C-alpha atoms as a PDB file:
ATOM      1  CA  MET A   1     -15.777 152.642-191.525  1.00  0.00           C
ATOM      2  CA  VAL A   2     -17.865 154.723-189.137  1.00  0.00           C
ATOM      3  CA  GLU A   3     -17.290 154.291-185.427  1.00  0.00           C
ATOM      4  CA  MET A   4     -20.306 154.190-183.150  1.00  0.00           C
ATOM      5  CA  ASP A   5     -20.079 155.967-179.830  1.00  0.00           C
ATOM      6  CA  SER A   6     -20.871 153.299-177.243  1.00  0.00           C
ATOM      7  CA  ASP A   7     -21.254 155.930-174.512  1.00  0.00           C
ATOM      8  CA  LEU A   8     -24.605 157.117-175.884  1.00  0.00           C
ATOM      9  CA  GLN A   9     -27.348 156.113-173.518  1.00  0.00           C
ATOM     10  CA  ILE A  10     -30.872 155.992-174.865  1.00  0.00           C
ATOM     11  CA  PRO A  11     -33.214 156.852-171.995  1.00  0.00           C
ATOM     12  CA  ARG A  12     -35.431 153.916-171.136  1.00  0.00           C
ATOM     13  CA  ILE A  13     -39.120 154.762-171.068  1.00  0.00           C
ATOM     14  CA  VAL A  14     -41.052 153.039-168.295  1.00  0.00           C
ATOM     15  CA  HIS A  15     -44.722 152.669-167.493  1.00  0.00           C
ATOM     16  CA  PRO A  16     -45.265 153.916-163.929  1.00  0.00           C
ATOM     17  CA  THR A  17     -46.809 151.445-161.507  1.00  0.00           C
ATOM     18  CA  ALA A  18     -47.814 153.922-158.797  1.00  0.00           C
ATOM     19  CA  HIS A  19     -51.386 155.221-158.598  1.00  0.00           C
ATOM     20  CA  ILE A  20     -50.205 158.838-158.196  1.00  0.00           C
ATOM     21  CA  VAL A  21     -47.109 160.193-159.946  1.00  0.00           C
ATOM     22  CA  THR A  22     -45.555 163.640-159.575  1.00  0.00           C
ATOM     23  CA  GLY A  23     -43.199 164.963-162.212  1.00  0.00           C
ATOM     24  CA  ARG A  24     -42.596 167.338-165.107  1.00  0.00           C
ATOM     25  CA  ILE A  25     -44.124 167.076-168.562  1.00  0.00           C
ATOM     26  CA  VAL A  26     -41.380 166.334-171.087  1.00  0.00           C
ATOM     27  CA  ARG A  27     -43.437 165.987-174.243  1.00  0.00           C
ATOM     28  CA  LEU A  28     -46.985 165.607-175.517  1.00  0.00           C
ATOM     29  CA  LEU A  29     -46.803 163.273-178.529  1.00  0.00           C
ATOM     30  CA  ASP A  30     -49.201 163.380-181.476  1.00  0.00           C
ATOM     31  CA  GLY A  31     -52.603 161.965-180.643  1.00  0.00           C
ATOM     32  CA  TYR A  32     -54.415 159.220-182.509  1.00  0.00           C
ATOM     33  CA  PRO A  33     -58.002 157.912-182.423  1.00  0.00           C
ATOM     34  CA  ARG A  34     -59.055 154.772-180.550  1.00  0.00           C
ATOM     35  CA  GLU A  35     -62.525 153.252-180.685  1.00  0.00           C
ATOM     36  CA  VAL A  36     -64.742 152.527-177.674  1.00  0.00           C
ATOM     37  CA  ARG A  37     -65.850 148.883-177.756  1.00  0.00           C
ATOM     38  CA  VAL A  38     -69.583 148.353-177.886  1.00  0.00           C
ATOM     39  CA  GLY A  39     -70.821 145.094-176.366  1.00  0.00           C
ATOM     40  CA  GLN A  40     -73.318 143.436-178.685  1.00  0.00           C
ATOM     41  CA  PRO A  41     -75.576 142.033-175.894  1.00  0.00           C
ATOM     42  CA  VAL A  42     -76.003 145.499-174.364  1.00  0.00           C
ATOM     43  CA  LEU A  43     -76.680 147.045-177.755  1.00  0.00           C
ATOM     44  CA  VAL A  44     -79.244 144.354-178.670  1.00  0.00           C
ATOM     45  CA  ALA A  45     -81.055 144.768-175.325  1.00  0.00           C
ATOM     46  CA  VAL A  46     -81.259 148.555-175.792  1.00  0.00           C
ATOM     47  CA  LEU A  47     -82.458 148.228-179.389  1.00  0.00           C
ATOM     48  CA  VAL A  48     -85.111 145.609-178.555  1.00  0.00           C
ATOM     49  CA  ALA A  49     -86.501 147.750-175.735  1.00  0.00           C
ATOM     50  CA  ALA A  50     -86.421 150.845-177.973  1.00  0.00           C
ATOM     51  CA  SER A  51     -88.186 148.931-180.763  1.00  0.00           C
ATOM     52  CA  VAL A  52     -91.185 148.295-178.507  1.00  0.00           C
ATOM     53  CA  THR A  53     -91.632 152.028-178.043  1.00  0.00           C
ATOM     54  CA  GLY A  54     -90.895 152.611-181.731  1.00  0.00           C
ATOM     55  CA  LEU A  55     -93.664 150.207-182.741  1.00  0.00           C
ATOM     56  CA  LEU A  56     -96.115 151.900-180.388  1.00  0.00           C
ATOM     57  CA  VAL A  57     -95.206 155.345-181.770  1.00  0.00           C
ATOM     58  CA  ALA A  58     -95.515 154.055-185.352  1.00  0.00           C
ATOM     59  CA  LEU A  59     -98.994 152.727-184.568  1.00  0.00           C
ATOM     60  CA  VAL A  60    -100.074 156.047-183.083  1.00  0.00           C
ATOM     61  CA  ARG A  61     -98.689 157.936-186.103  1.00  0.00           C
ATOM     62  CA  ALA A  62    -100.480 155.602-188.514  1.00  0.00           C
ATOM     63  CA  VAL A  63    -103.765 156.161-186.705  1.00  0.00           C
ATOM     64  CA  ILE A  64    -103.498 159.969-186.672  1.00  0.00           C
ATOM     65  CA  SER A  65    -101.630 160.198-190.043  1.00  0.00           C
ATOM     66  CA  ALA A  66     -98.792 162.296-188.704  1.00  0.00           C
ATOM     67  CA  GLY A  67     -95.661 163.065-190.745  1.00  0.00           C
ATOM     68  CA  SER A  68     -92.722 160.701-190.931  1.00  0.00           C
ATOM     69  CA  GLY A  69     -90.404 160.339-187.935  1.00  0.00           C
ATOM     70  CA  GLY A  70     -86.701 161.078-187.702  1.00  0.00           C
ATOM     71  CA  THR A  71     -84.053 158.870-189.224  1.00  0.00           C
ATOM     72  CA  ARG A  72     -82.783 155.945-187.171  1.00  0.00           C
ATOM     73  CA  ARG A  73     -79.169 154.901-187.039  1.00  0.00           C
ATOM     74  CA  ARG A  74     -78.456 151.431-188.361  1.00  0.00           C
ATOM     75  CA  PHE A  75     -77.274 148.568-186.141  1.00  0.00           C
ATOM     76  CA  LYS A  76     -73.947 148.565-187.977  1.00  0.00           C
ATOM     77  CA  ASP A  77     -73.427 152.270-187.166  1.00  0.00           C
ATOM     78  CA  LEU A  78     -74.329 151.774-183.506  1.00  0.00           C
ATOM     79  CA  LYS A  79     -72.093 148.689-183.211  1.00  0.00           C
ATOM     80  CA  LYS A  80     -69.085 150.716-184.386  1.00  0.00           C
ATOM     81  CA  GLY A  81     -68.255 152.594-181.202  1.00  0.00           C
ATOM     82  CA  PRO A  82     -67.327 156.247-180.926  1.00  0.00           C
ATOM     83  CA  GLU A  83     -63.693 157.240-181.304  1.00  0.00           C
ATOM     84  CA  TYR A  84     -61.783 159.241-178.728  1.00  0.00           C
ATOM     85  CA  LEU A  85     -58.403 160.927-178.846  1.00  0.00           C
ATOM     86  CA  VAL A  86     -55.430 159.171-177.213  1.00  0.00           C
ATOM     87  CA  THR A  87     -52.397 161.390-176.564  1.00  0.00           C
ATOM     88  CA  PRO A  88     -49.208 159.720-175.322  1.00  0.00           C
ATOM     89  CA  VAL A  89     -47.572 161.894-172.648  1.00  0.00           C
ATOM     90  CA  ARG A  90     -43.957 161.622-171.565  1.00  0.00           C
ATOM     91  CA  LEU A  91     -42.976 162.929-168.155  1.00  0.00           C
ATOM     92  CA  ARG A  92     -39.985 162.735-165.878  1.00  0.00           C
ATOM     93  CA  ASP A  93     -40.974 161.573-162.403  1.00  0.00           C
ATOM     94  CA  ALA A  94     -39.438 162.652-159.091  1.00  0.00           C
ATOM     95  CA  ALA A  95     -36.866 159.821-159.342  1.00  0.00           C
ATOM     96  CA  GLY A  96     -35.696 161.126-162.729  1.00  0.00           C
ATOM     97  CA  ARG A  97     -37.170 158.255-164.777  1.00  0.00           C
ATOM     98  CA  LEU A  98     -38.753 158.959-168.154  1.00  0.00           C
ATOM     99  CA  CYS A  99     -42.339 157.680-167.981  1.00  0.00           C
ATOM    100  CA  GLU A 100     -45.043 157.297-170.595  1.00  0.00           C
ATOM    101  CA  VAL A 101     -48.755 157.538-169.837  1.00  0.00           C
ATOM    102  CA  GLU A 102     -51.845 158.033-171.994  1.00  0.00           C
ATOM    103  CA  LEU A 103     -54.294 160.911-171.951  1.00  0.00           C
ATOM    104  CA  HIS A 104     -57.720 159.809-173.215  1.00  0.00           C
ATOM    105  CA  GLY A 105     -60.076 162.501-174.459  1.00  0.00           C
ATOM    106  CA  HIS A 106     -59.659 166.212-174.835  1.00  0.00           C
ATOM    107  CA  LEU A 107     -58.312 168.981-172.618  1.00  0.00           C
ATOM    108  CA  PRO A 108     -58.126 172.705-173.342  1.00  0.00           C
ATOM    109  CA  GLN A 109     -55.094 173.395-175.559  1.00  0.00           C
ATOM    110  CA  SER A 110     -53.498 175.652-172.963  1.00  0.00           C
ATOM    111  CA  ALA A 111     -53.938 173.153-170.107  1.00  0.00           C
ATOM    112  CA  LEU A 112     -50.588 171.309-170.396  1.00  0.00           C
ATOM    113  CA  HIS A 113     -47.196 172.428-171.672  1.00  0.00           C
ATOM    114  CA  PRO A 114     -43.742 170.853-171.625  1.00  0.00           C
ATOM    115  CA  ALA A 115     -41.942 171.643-168.324  1.00  0.00           C
ATOM    116  CA  ASP A 116     -45.226 171.927-166.360  1.00  0.00           C
ATOM    117  CA  HIS A 117     -44.973 170.374-162.900  1.00  0.00           C
ATOM    118  CA  VAL A 118     -47.895 167.947-162.550  1.00  0.00           C
ATOM    119  CA  GLN A 119     -49.363 165.377-160.215  1.00  0.00           C
ATOM    120  CA  ILE A 120     -51.309 162.734-162.116  1.00  0.00           C
ATOM    121  CA  THR A 121     -53.659 160.021-160.952  1.00  0.00           C
ATOM    122  CA  LEU A 122     -53.354 156.874-163.067  1.00  0.00           C
ATOM    123  CA  ARG A 123     -55.378 153.748-163.747  1.00  0.00           C
ATOM    124  CA  ARG A 124     -54.069 150.605-165.414  1.00  0.00           C
ATOM    125  CA  GLN A 125     -55.652 149.612-168.698  1.00  0.00           C
ATOM    126  CA  ARG A 126     -57.033 146.173-169.523  1.00  0.00           C
ATOM    127  CA  ASP A 127     -54.210 145.591-172.007  1.00  0.00           C
ATOM    128  CA  ALA A 128     -51.078 145.284-169.855  1.00  0.00           C
ATOM    129  CA  ASP A 129     -48.863 146.354-172.791  1.00  0.00           C
ATOM    130  CA  LEU A 130     -50.453 149.819-172.876  1.00  0.00           C
ATOM    131  CA  PRO A 131     -49.217 152.622-170.624  1.00  0.00           C
ATOM    132  CA  PRO A 132     -51.493 153.597-167.722  1.00  0.00           C
ATOM    133  CA  LYS A 133     -54.362 155.973-168.424  1.00  0.00           C
ATOM    134  CA  ILE A 134     -54.546 159.421-166.824  1.00  0.00           C
ATOM    135  CA  GLU A 135     -57.693 159.846-164.727  1.00  0.00           C
ATOM    136  CA  ARG A 136     -56.917 163.265-163.267  1.00  0.00           C
ATOM    137  CA  ILE A 137     -54.193 165.879-163.584  1.00  0.00           C
ATOM    138  CA  VAL A 138     -53.281 168.552-161.076  1.00  0.00           C
ATOM    139  CA  ASN A 139     -51.131 171.072-162.922  1.00  0.00           C
ATOM    140  CA  LEU A 140     -49.012 172.379-160.044  1.00  0.00           C
ATOM    141  CA  THR A 141     -47.519 175.081-162.294  1.00  0.00           C
ATOM    142  CA  THR A 142     -50.887 176.711-163.054  1.00  0.00           C
ATOM    143  CA  GLY A 143     -52.970 175.346-160.166  1.00  0.00           C
ATOM    144  CA  GLN A 144     -55.537 173.764-162.511  1.00  0.00           C
ATOM    145  CA  LEU A 145     -57.386 170.527-161.799  1.00  0.00           C
ATOM    146  CA  LEU A 146     -57.978 168.742-165.117  1.00  0.00           C
ATOM    147  CA  THR A 147     -60.187 165.728-165.805  1.00  0.00           C
ATOM    148  CA  PRO A 148     -60.144 164.406-169.378  1.00  0.00           C
ATOM    149  CA  ARG A 149     -63.491 163.189-170.705  1.00  0.00           C
ATOM    150  CA  THR A 150     -64.049 160.573-173.396  1.00  0.00           C
ATOM    151  CA  ALA A 151     -67.073 159.323-175.262  1.00  0.00           C
ATOM    152  CA  THR A 152     -68.917 156.464-173.580  1.00  0.00           C
ATOM    153  CA  LEU A 153     -71.306 153.794-174.796  1.00  0.00           C
ATOM    154  CA  TRP A 154     -74.216 155.787-173.355  1.00  0.00           C
ATOM    155  CA  SER A 155     -73.202 159.071-175.009  1.00  0.00           C
ATOM    156  CA  HIS A 156     -72.746 157.151-178.286  1.00  0.00           C
ATOM    157  CA  LEU A 157     -76.251 155.690-178.158  1.00  0.00           C
ATOM    158  CA  GLY A 158     -77.670 159.093-177.247  1.00  0.00           C
ATOM    159  CA  PRO A 159     -80.452 160.303-174.953  1.00  0.00           C
ATOM    160  CA  PRO A 160     -83.322 159.808-177.467  1.00  0.00           C
ATOM    161  CA  LEU A 161     -82.542 156.111-178.037  1.00  0.00           C
ATOM    162  CA  LEU A 162     -81.926 155.506-174.317  1.00  0.00           C
ATOM    163  CA  LEU A 163     -85.203 157.232-173.370  1.00  0.00           C
ATOM    164  CA  GLN A 164     -87.027 155.186-175.979  1.00  0.00           C
ATOM    165  CA  ALA A 165     -85.390 151.998-174.598  1.00  0.00           C
ATOM    166  CA  ALA A 166     -86.376 152.924-171.023  1.00  0.00           C
ATOM    167  CA  LEU A 167     -89.992 153.461-172.090  1.00  0.00           C
ATOM    168  CA  GLY A 168     -89.920 150.161-173.973  1.00  0.00           C
ATOM    169  CA  ALA A 169     -88.563 148.340-170.925  1.00  0.00           C
ATOM    170  CA  VAL A 170     -91.316 149.845-168.764  1.00  0.00           C
ATOM    171  CA  LEU A 171     -93.953 148.796-171.320  1.00  0.00           C
ATOM    172  CA  LEU A 172     -92.543 145.257-171.474  1.00  0.00           C
ATOM    173  CA  ALA A 173     -92.430 145.025-167.653  1.00  0.00           C
ATOM    174  CA  THR A 174     -96.025 146.296-167.409  1.00  0.00           C
ATOM    175  CA  LEU A 175     -97.166 143.821-170.059  1.00  0.00           C
ATOM    176  CA  ALA A 176     -95.384 140.969-168.261  1.00  0.00           C
ATOM    177  CA  ALA A 177     -96.897 141.983-164.911  1.00  0.00           C
ATOM    178  CA  CYS A 178    -100.417 142.189-166.388  1.00  0.00           C
ATOM    179  CA  SER A 179    -100.118 138.780-168.064  1.00  0.00           C
ATOM    180  CA  ALA A 180     -98.771 137.264-164.830  1.00  0.00           C
ATOM    181  CA  LEU A 181    -101.747 138.590-162.853  1.00  0.00           C
ATOM    182  CA  THR A 182    -104.371 137.208-165.258  1.00  0.00           C
END
């Protein structure tokens, strides 16, 4: 029979509740992808407004017999949001507690190392079971200010589609204003 040592203490990992936490990086765990949610009403509104411009452009191309346009992404592809990297980070705060937070997006590979002294600004996530998300990191060891960036709904849709939607919205507003005046 094997005896278990009851004196072994497994360090409890906590989710910090403070907005700003100062401590030392213990470990950067392996990252995994998480998808940005795309709200269907927003996506439909953008696509409808963009379709108005698309129809107008198609009419102009048909009249002047220009070449075919670029390929459009399907609704299904646009509805599936972009993925971003989530890296769980363990740090030991000033009180000696082992804390877990999440880093969303990418940072330069040399930006954070175990044992770096950092001050992080946190924001709670919608899901209360998830650790807080890092908004900003001040690496006190290197003096760097780091802000992780993730993909957003607007970067996923892309400037061409958003510009087309804006033009479509302006055309629809102009059409509505003209019909209201007559």
